[in-house]
Protein backbone atom coordinates (compact mmCIF):
# COMPACT_ATOMS: atom_id res chain seq x y z
CA MET A 1 -26.06 6.92 -12.71
CA PHE A 2 -27.60 3.31 -12.48
CA GLN A 3 -30.96 2.88 -11.03
CA SER A 4 -30.71 -0.88 -10.29
CA PRO A 5 -28.19 -3.75 -10.46
CA THR A 6 -29.92 -4.95 -13.61
CA ASP A 7 -29.09 -1.66 -15.37
CA PHE A 8 -25.42 -2.07 -14.36
CA TYR A 9 -25.24 -5.62 -15.72
CA ASN A 10 -26.98 -4.77 -18.93
CA SER A 11 -24.52 -1.95 -19.55
CA LEU A 12 -21.52 -4.37 -19.45
CA ASP A 13 -20.09 -5.51 -22.85
CA VAL A 14 -19.15 -9.17 -22.35
CA SER A 15 -18.28 -9.79 -25.95
CA SER A 16 -14.70 -8.67 -25.31
CA VAL A 17 -14.15 -10.94 -22.33
CA THR A 18 -12.37 -14.15 -23.14
CA SER A 19 -11.10 -17.04 -21.10
CA PRO A 20 -8.91 -19.93 -22.16
CA SER A 21 -10.38 -23.44 -22.30
CA SER A 22 -8.68 -26.72 -21.58
CA ASP A 23 -7.87 -27.48 -25.19
CA GLY A 24 -6.31 -24.08 -25.94
CA SER A 25 -9.17 -22.40 -27.63
CA SER A 26 -10.84 -19.37 -26.04
CA LEU A 27 -14.33 -18.96 -24.86
CA VAL A 28 -16.19 -15.72 -25.49
CA GLY A 29 -18.60 -14.27 -23.03
CA THR A 30 -18.32 -16.87 -20.27
CA SER A 31 -15.82 -18.34 -17.89
CA ARG A 32 -17.66 -21.66 -17.29
CA ARG A 33 -17.02 -24.77 -19.31
CA THR A 34 -19.84 -25.61 -21.67
CA SER A 35 -20.27 -28.15 -24.41
CA LYS A 36 -18.33 -25.75 -26.70
CA ALA A 37 -15.37 -26.15 -24.47
CA ILE A 38 -15.39 -29.88 -24.89
CA THR A 39 -15.24 -29.89 -28.64
CA ASN A 40 -12.49 -28.26 -30.68
CA GLU A 41 -13.00 -26.05 -33.73
CA ARG A 42 -13.75 -28.92 -36.13
CA GLY A 43 -16.49 -30.33 -33.82
CA ALA A 44 -14.50 -33.43 -32.83
CA VAL A 45 -14.29 -34.46 -29.18
CA SER A 46 -10.84 -34.19 -27.80
CA HIS A 47 -8.85 -37.38 -26.85
CA LYS A 48 -8.57 -36.37 -23.20
CA VAL A 49 -12.30 -35.80 -22.94
CA GLU A 50 -13.16 -39.08 -24.60
CA ARG A 51 -10.68 -40.94 -22.43
CA ARG A 52 -12.20 -39.40 -19.29
CA ARG A 53 -15.73 -40.36 -20.42
CA GLU A 54 -14.66 -43.95 -21.01
CA GLN A 55 -13.03 -43.99 -17.51
CA ASN A 56 -16.27 -42.65 -15.97
CA ARG A 57 -18.24 -45.39 -17.77
CA GLN A 58 -15.82 -48.06 -16.51
CA SER A 59 -16.02 -46.63 -12.98
CA GLN A 60 -19.90 -46.65 -13.06
CA ARG A 61 -19.90 -50.18 -14.37
CA ALA A 62 -17.50 -51.35 -11.64
CA TYR A 63 -19.61 -49.59 -8.99
CA ARG A 64 -22.78 -51.24 -10.32
CA ASP A 65 -21.09 -54.67 -10.25
CA ARG A 66 -19.84 -54.07 -6.62
CA LYS A 67 -23.26 -52.95 -5.59
CA GLU A 68 -25.02 -55.99 -7.17
CA LYS A 69 -22.43 -58.37 -5.61
CA HIS A 70 -23.01 -56.79 -2.24
CA GLN A 71 -26.78 -56.95 -2.66
CA ARG A 72 -26.51 -60.69 -3.61
CA ALA A 73 -24.35 -61.33 -0.52
CA LEU A 74 -26.95 -59.56 1.69
CA GLU A 75 -29.79 -61.62 0.13
CA ASP A 76 -27.86 -64.86 0.69
CA GLN A 77 -27.34 -63.84 4.32
CA ILE A 78 -31.08 -63.09 4.68
CA ALA A 79 -31.91 -66.54 3.21
CA ILE A 80 -29.58 -68.21 5.74
CA TRP A 81 -31.04 -66.29 8.68
CA LYS A 82 -34.49 -67.08 7.54
CA GLN A 83 -33.62 -70.80 7.47
CA LYS A 84 -32.06 -70.60 10.93
CA HIS A 85 -35.11 -68.72 12.17
CA GLY A 86 -37.42 -71.45 10.94
CA GLU A 87 -35.29 -74.08 12.63
CA LEU A 88 -35.33 -72.17 15.88
CA VAL A 89 -39.17 -71.70 15.75
CA LYS A 90 -39.56 -75.44 15.14
CA CYS A 91 -37.17 -76.27 17.97
CA TYR A 92 -39.00 -73.81 20.28
CA ALA A 93 -42.42 -75.34 19.51
CA ASP A 94 -41.00 -78.89 20.10
CA GLN A 95 -39.50 -77.87 23.46
CA THR A 96 -42.72 -76.04 24.52
CA GLU A 97 -44.70 -79.26 23.74
CA GLU A 98 -42.10 -81.32 25.70
CA VAL A 99 -42.35 -79.03 28.66
CA THR A 100 -46.13 -79.19 28.62
CA LYS A 101 -46.01 -83.07 28.57
CA LEU A 102 -43.40 -83.11 31.40
CA LYS A 103 -45.58 -80.72 33.50
CA ALA A 104 -48.58 -82.96 33.00
CA ARG A 105 -46.45 -86.04 33.90
CA ILE A 106 -45.22 -84.25 37.05
CA GLU A 107 -48.80 -83.49 38.08
CA ASP A 108 -49.77 -87.11 37.49
CA LEU A 109 -46.82 -88.35 39.58
CA ILE A 110 -47.59 -85.92 42.33
CA SER A 111 -51.22 -87.15 42.46
CA GLN A 112 -50.05 -90.76 42.50
CA VAL A 113 -47.62 -90.09 45.38
CA MET A 114 -50.38 -88.34 47.31
CA SER A 115 -52.67 -91.30 46.72
CA LEU A 116 -50.04 -93.80 47.77
CA ARG A 117 -49.25 -91.80 50.94
CA SER A 118 -52.94 -91.79 51.96
CA ASP A 119 -53.20 -95.46 51.12
CA SER A 120 -50.04 -96.42 53.00
CA THR A 121 -51.20 -94.84 56.28
CA GLU A 122 -54.51 -96.65 56.01
CA THR A 123 -52.74 -99.92 55.24
CA TRP A 124 -50.18 -99.59 58.02
CA GLY A 125 -52.92 -98.51 60.33
CA ARG A 126 -54.77 -101.71 59.59
CA ILE A 127 -51.72 -103.89 60.06
CA GLY A 128 -50.94 -102.17 63.34
CA ARG A 129 -47.30 -101.42 62.48
CA SER A 130 -45.79 -98.20 61.38
CA PRO A 131 -43.23 -98.15 58.60
CA LEU A 132 -40.92 -96.34 60.99
CA ASN A 133 -40.91 -99.35 63.33
CA CYS A 134 -39.94 -101.97 60.80
CA ASP A 135 -37.21 -102.66 58.31
CA LEU A 136 -38.00 -104.03 54.84
CA VAL A 137 -35.73 -106.92 53.79
CA PRO A 138 -35.71 -108.04 50.19
CA SER A 139 -36.15 -111.70 49.40
CA TYR A 140 -36.28 -113.52 46.14
CA ASP A 141 -39.06 -116.00 45.43
CA LYS A 142 -37.77 -118.69 43.13
CA ASP A 143 -41.20 -120.01 42.15
CA SER A 144 -42.58 -116.59 40.95
CA GLY A 145 -39.24 -115.12 39.91
CA PHE A 146 -39.99 -111.82 41.72
CA TRP A 147 -38.35 -109.98 44.60
CA SER A 148 -40.52 -109.29 47.62
CA TYR A 149 -39.95 -107.30 50.76
CA ASP A 150 -40.55 -108.73 54.21
CA ALA A 151 -41.17 -106.38 57.16
CA LEU A 152 -39.01 -107.09 60.15
CA ASP A 153 -39.83 -105.53 63.46
CA VAL A 154 -37.10 -103.34 64.85
């Protein structure tokens, strides 16, 4: 009978097959909508199709507007974050510099304390009294305008 599926399909007569379209006219030879289904017999576009096309254009325009608005909002947010990032970087650099200065000051003060400790033992050793054995009493010198500390033996 038929040697292949192609032979079968070639033997079919599709000219007699009709299907109704959306505007009431019939299509010959196909059941899918084509550009012929959109136009009526006089070649004019139906009112429903034109209205649908206009609705699609409005929907696309609204979508593009929403997309652009969202994109602008994201760009504004990025600009704000970049500004905040710059401020944080500057603040970090300032604090790092401050920490470095404070560490240097601490080292300087530690060396001064160590120097004073070594000097005080030498001084008290020369005087012959230990700071543990005397009490320092503040006294005000009216002539110089300074306070001085007098050592009292305990």
